[in-house]
Amino acid sequence: MADEERYDTDGDGVTDVVYLDHNGDGYADEVRVDLNGDGVSDYTEYAGPFPTA
């Protein structure tokens, strides 16, 4: 994966999910989720790795 991947999961033009790969191993180390579409992350998961498609 890229160091940062952004996804608009509901098609409203606002990024809803951001995958961040901090250590360059190809897996996301941080996932930020915007639950209400206001452009601000409401939930952040610091764990991993999170394989991305």
PDB file of N, CA and C in Angstrom:
ATOM      1  N   MET A   1       0.834  -1.183   0.000  1.00  0.00           N
ATOM      2  CA  MET A   1       0.000   0.000   0.000  1.00  0.00           C
ATOM      3  C   MET A   1       0.877   1.243   0.000  1.00  0.00           C
ATOM      4  N   ALA A   2       0.274   2.365  -0.333  1.00  0.00           N
ATOM      5  CA  ALA A   2       0.979   3.641  -0.260  1.00  0.00           C
ATOM      6  C   ALA A   2       1.099   4.043   1.212  1.00  0.00           C
ATOM      7  N   ASP A   3       1.909   5.049   1.494  1.00  0.00           N
ATOM      8  CA  ASP A   3       2.058   5.508   2.867  1.00  0.00           C
ATOM      9  C   ASP A   3       0.744   6.025   3.430  1.00  0.00           C
ATOM     10  N   GLU A   4      -0.114   6.517   2.540  1.00  0.00           N
ATOM     11  CA  GLU A   4      -1.432   7.008   2.954  1.00  0.00           C
ATOM     12  C   GLU A   4      -2.434   6.693   1.860  1.00  0.00           C
ATOM     13  N   GLU A   5      -3.540   6.086   2.246  1.00  0.00           N
ATOM     14  CA  GLU A   5      -4.615   5.794   1.299  1.00  0.00           C
ATOM     15  C   GLU A   5      -5.916   6.319   1.880  1.00  0.00           C
ATOM     16  N   ARG A   6      -6.661   7.065   1.064  1.00  0.00           N
ATOM     17  CA  ARG A   6      -7.919   7.668   1.513  1.00  0.00           C
ATOM     18  C   ARG A   6      -9.070   7.096   0.711  1.00  0.00           C
ATOM     19  N   TYR A   7     -10.172   6.854   1.389  1.00  0.00           N
ATOM     20  CA  TYR A   7     -11.342   6.271   0.734  1.00  0.00           C
ATOM     21  C   TYR A   7     -12.601   7.044   1.106  1.00  0.00           C
ATOM     22  N   ASP A   8     -13.439   7.287   0.095  1.00  0.00           N
ATOM     23  CA  ASP A   8     -14.774   7.850   0.292  1.00  0.00           C
ATOM     24  C   ASP A   8     -15.734   6.679   0.150  1.00  0.00           C
ATOM     25  N   THR A   9     -16.141   6.116   1.263  1.00  0.00           N
ATOM     26  CA  THR A   9     -16.915   4.874   1.222  1.00  0.00           C
ATOM     27  C   THR A   9     -18.386   5.078   0.910  1.00  0.00           C
ATOM     28  N   ASP A  10     -18.915   6.288   1.104  1.00  0.00           N
ATOM     29  CA  ASP A  10     -20.343   6.499   0.855  1.00  0.00           C
ATOM     30  C   ASP A  10     -20.620   7.431  -0.326  1.00  0.00           C
ATOM     31  N   GLY A  11     -19.565   7.859  -1.046  1.00  0.00           N
ATOM     32  CA  GLY A  11     -19.749   8.629  -2.265  1.00  0.00           C
ATOM     33  C   GLY A  11     -20.174  10.072  -2.086  1.00  0.00           C
ATOM     34  N   ASP A  12     -19.991  10.631  -0.895  1.00  0.00           N
ATOM     35  CA  ASP A  12     -20.414  12.013  -0.672  1.00  0.00           C
ATOM     36  C   ASP A  12     -19.304  13.024  -0.937  1.00  0.00           C
ATOM     37  N   GLY A  13     -18.144  12.552  -1.356  1.00  0.00           N
ATOM     38  CA  GLY A  13     -17.034  13.446  -1.649  1.00  0.00           C
ATOM     39  C   GLY A  13     -16.139  13.751  -0.463  1.00  0.00           C
ATOM     40  N   VAL A  14     -16.489  13.238   0.705  1.00  0.00           N
ATOM     41  CA  VAL A  14     -15.693  13.435   1.914  1.00  0.00           C
ATOM     42  C   VAL A  14     -14.981  12.126   2.242  1.00  0.00           C
ATOM     43  N   THR A  15     -13.676  12.210   2.541  1.00  0.00           N
ATOM     44  CA  THR A  15     -12.925  11.012   2.907  1.00  0.00           C
ATOM     45  C   THR A  15     -13.474  10.441   4.206  1.00  0.00           C
ATOM     46  N   ASP A  16     -13.814   9.155   4.179  1.00  0.00           N
ATOM     47  CA  ASP A  16     -14.388   8.505   5.353  1.00  0.00           C
ATOM     48  C   ASP A  16     -13.383   7.621   6.086  1.00  0.00           C
ATOM     49  N   VAL A  17     -12.452   7.033   5.345  1.00  0.00           N
ATOM     50  CA  VAL A  17     -11.475   6.135   5.948  1.00  0.00           C
ATOM     51  C   VAL A  17     -10.089   6.487   5.412  1.00  0.00           C
ATOM     52  N   VAL A  18      -9.109   6.592   6.320  1.00  0.00           N
ATOM     53  CA  VAL A  18      -7.722   6.843   5.940  1.00  0.00           C
ATOM     54  C   VAL A  18      -6.864   5.739   6.540  1.00  0.00           C
ATOM     55  N   TYR A  19      -6.095   5.073   5.678  1.00  0.00           N
ATOM     56  CA  TYR A  19      -5.120   4.075   6.126  1.00  0.00           C
ATOM     57  C   TYR A  19      -3.741   4.714   6.061  1.00  0.00           C
ATOM     58  N   LEU A  20      -2.974   4.632   7.155  1.00  0.00           N
ATOM     59  CA  LEU A  20      -1.633   5.200   7.209  1.00  0.00           C
ATOM     60  C   LEU A  20      -0.617   4.098   7.506  1.00  0.00           C
ATOM     61  N   ASP A  21       0.424   4.030   6.693  1.00  0.00           N
ATOM     62  CA  ASP A  21       1.512   3.077   6.900  1.00  0.00           C
ATOM     63  C   ASP A  21       2.725   3.877   7.369  1.00  0.00           C
ATOM     64  N   HIS A  22       2.989   3.870   8.680  1.00  0.00           N
ATOM     65  CA  HIS A  22       4.051   4.690   9.249  1.00  0.00           C
ATOM     66  C   HIS A  22       5.438   4.075   9.081  1.00  0.00           C
ATOM     67  N   ASN A  23       5.511   2.757   9.049  1.00  0.00           N
ATOM     68  CA  ASN A  23       6.831   2.119   9.034  1.00  0.00           C
ATOM     69  C   ASN A  23       7.225   1.560   7.668  1.00  0.00           C
ATOM     70  N   GLY A  24       6.394   1.742   6.650  1.00  0.00           N
ATOM     71  CA  GLY A  24       6.755   1.358   5.300  1.00  0.00           C
ATOM     72  C   GLY A  24       6.766  -0.128   5.019  1.00  0.00           C
ATOM     73  N   ASP A  25       6.070  -0.913   5.846  1.00  0.00           N
ATOM     74  CA  ASP A  25       6.063  -2.362   5.637  1.00  0.00           C
ATOM     75  C   ASP A  25       4.934  -2.820   4.712  1.00  0.00           C
ATOM     76  N   GLY A  26       4.153  -1.888   4.198  1.00  0.00           N
ATOM     77  CA  GLY A  26       3.076  -2.239   3.288  1.00  0.00           C
ATOM     78  C   GLY A  26       1.754  -2.514   3.965  1.00  0.00           C
ATOM     79  N   TYR A  27       1.705  -2.366   5.276  1.00  0.00           N
ATOM     80  CA  TYR A  27       0.473  -2.577   6.027  1.00  0.00           C
ATOM     81  C   TYR A  27       0.135  -1.319   6.810  1.00  0.00           C
ATOM     82  N   ALA A  28      -1.159  -1.044   6.946  1.00  0.00           N
ATOM     83  CA  ALA A  28      -1.583   0.143   7.684  1.00  0.00           C
ATOM     84  C   ALA A  28      -1.311  -0.027   9.172  1.00  0.00           C
ATOM     85  N   ASP A  29      -0.704   0.992   9.763  1.00  0.00           N
ATOM     86  CA  ASP A  29      -0.426   1.004  11.198  1.00  0.00           C
ATOM     87  C   ASP A  29      -1.455   1.838  11.951  1.00  0.00           C
ATOM     88  N   GLU A  30      -2.159   2.672  11.221  1.00  0.00           N
ATOM     89  CA  GLU A  30      -3.162   3.547  11.820  1.00  0.00           C
ATOM     90  C   GLU A  30      -4.335   3.651  10.857  1.00  0.00           C
ATOM     91  N   VAL A  31      -5.535   3.546  11.384  1.00  0.00           N
ATOM     92  CA  VAL A  31      -6.739   3.699  10.567  1.00  0.00           C
ATOM     93  C   VAL A  31      -7.597   4.768  11.222  1.00  0.00           C
ATOM     94  N   ARG A  32      -7.955   5.776  10.445  1.00  0.00           N
ATOM     95  CA  ARG A  32      -8.824   6.853  10.927  1.00  0.00           C
ATOM     96  C   ARG A  32     -10.168   6.746  10.216  1.00  0.00           C
ATOM     97  N   VAL A  33     -11.240   6.830  10.978  1.00  0.00           N
ATOM     98  CA  VAL A  33     -12.577   6.690  10.419  1.00  0.00           C
ATOM     99  C   VAL A  33     -13.412   7.913  10.779  1.00  0.00           C
ATOM    100  N   ASP A  34     -14.034   8.511   9.768  1.00  0.00           N
ATOM    101  CA  ASP A  34     -14.969   9.624   9.962  1.00  0.00           C
ATOM    102  C   ASP A  34     -16.373   9.042   9.888  1.00  0.00           C
ATOM    103  N   LEU A  35     -17.024   8.952  11.014  1.00  0.00           N
ATOM    104  CA  LEU A  35     -18.322   8.280  11.093  1.00  0.00           C
ATOM    105  C   LEU A  35     -19.485   9.153  10.630  1.00  0.00           C
ATOM    106  N   ASN A  36     -19.380  10.470  10.777  1.00  0.00           N
ATOM    107  CA  ASN A  36     -20.531  11.331  10.481  1.00  0.00           C
ATOM    108  C   ASN A  36     -20.333  12.216   9.260  1.00  0.00           C
ATOM    109  N   GLY A  37     -19.234  12.068   8.519  1.00  0.00           N
ATOM    110  CA  GLY A  37     -19.046  12.802   7.274  1.00  0.00           C
ATOM    111  C   GLY A  37     -18.697  14.262   7.418  1.00  0.00           C
ATOM    112  N   ASP A  38     -18.211  14.669   8.594  1.00  0.00           N
ATOM    113  CA  ASP A  38     -17.859  16.075   8.779  1.00  0.00           C
ATOM    114  C   ASP A  38     -16.402  16.366   8.441  1.00  0.00           C
ATOM    115  N   GLY A  39     -15.669  15.352   7.999  1.00  0.00           N
ATOM    116  CA  GLY A  39     -14.274  15.544   7.625  1.00  0.00           C
ATOM    117  C   GLY A  39     -13.298  15.423   8.774  1.00  0.00           C
ATOM    118  N   VAL A  40     -13.798  15.126   9.963  1.00  0.00           N
ATOM    119  CA  VAL A  40     -12.954  14.960  11.143  1.00  0.00           C
ATOM    120  C   VAL A  40     -13.037  13.505  11.588  1.00  0.00           C
ATOM    121  N   SER A  41     -11.876  12.906  11.874  1.00  0.00           N
ATOM    122  CA  SER A  41     -11.864  11.512  12.311  1.00  0.00           C
ATOM    123  C   SER A  41     -12.563  11.370  13.656  1.00  0.00           C
ATOM    124  N   ASP A  42     -13.503  10.453  13.704  1.00  0.00           N
ATOM    125  CA  ASP A  42     -14.224  10.190  14.942  1.00  0.00           C
ATOM    126  C   ASP A  42     -13.643   8.981  15.668  1.00  0.00           C
ATOM    127  N   TYR A  43     -12.919   8.158  14.950  1.00  0.00           N
ATOM    128  CA  TYR A  43     -12.398   6.924  15.520  1.00  0.00           C
ATOM    129  C   TYR A  43     -11.032   6.662  14.910  1.00  0.00           C
ATOM    130  N   THR A  44     -10.044   6.380  15.738  1.00  0.00           N
ATOM    131  CA  THR A  44      -8.704   6.052  15.254  1.00  0.00           C
ATOM    132  C   THR A  44      -8.256   4.762  15.907  1.00  0.00           C
ATOM    133  N   GLU A  45      -7.774   3.848  15.106  1.00  0.00           N
ATOM    134  CA  GLU A  45      -7.268   2.559  15.588  1.00  0.00           C
ATOM    135  C   GLU A  45      -5.761   2.542  15.380  1.00  0.00           C
ATOM    136  N   TYR A  46      -5.012   2.394  16.480  1.00  0.00           N
ATOM    137  CA  TYR A  46      -3.564   2.268  16.394  1.00  0.00           C
ATOM    138  C   TYR A  46      -3.212   0.826  16.688  1.00  0.00           C
ATOM    139  N   ALA A  47      -3.045   0.068  15.675  1.00  0.00           N
ATOM    140  CA  ALA A  47      -2.707  -1.337  15.843  1.00  0.00           C
ATOM    141  C   ALA A  47      -2.234  -1.825  14.496  1.00  0.00           C
ATOM    142  N   GLY A  48      -2.389  -3.082  14.279  1.00  0.00           N
ATOM    143  CA  GLY A  48      -2.046  -3.568  12.966  1.00  0.00           C
ATOM    144  C   GLY A  48      -1.182  -4.808  13.057  1.00  0.00           C
ATOM    145  N   PRO A  49      -0.742  -5.246  11.933  1.00  0.00           N
ATOM    146  CA  PRO A  49      -0.989  -4.591  10.649  1.00  0.00           C
ATOM    147  C   PRO A  49      -2.413  -4.791  10.168  1.00  0.00           C
ATOM    148  N   PHE A  50      -2.880  -3.841   9.368  1.00  0.00           N
ATOM    149  CA  PHE A  50      -4.180  -3.921   8.730  1.00  0.00           C
ATOM    150  C   PHE A  50      -3.954  -4.125   7.239  1.00  0.00           C
ATOM    151  N   PRO A  51      -4.073  -5.319   6.728  1.00  0.00           N
ATOM    152  CA  PRO A  51      -3.888  -5.513   5.286  1.00  0.00           C
ATOM    153  C   PRO A  51      -4.937  -4.739   4.493  1.00  0.00           C
ATOM    154  N   THR A  52      -4.514  -4.102   3.427  1.00  0.00           N
ATOM    155  CA  THR A  52      -5.452  -3.372   2.581  1.00  0.00           C
ATOM    156  C   THR A  52      -5.452  -3.983   1.194  1.00  0.00           C
ATOM    157  N   ALA A  53      -6.566  -3.851   0.537  1.00  0.00           N
ATOM    158  CA  ALA A  53      -6.712  -4.444  -0.799  1.00  0.00           C
ATOM    159  C   ALA A  53      -5.933  -3.655  -1.826  1.00  0.00           C
TER     160      ALA A  53
END
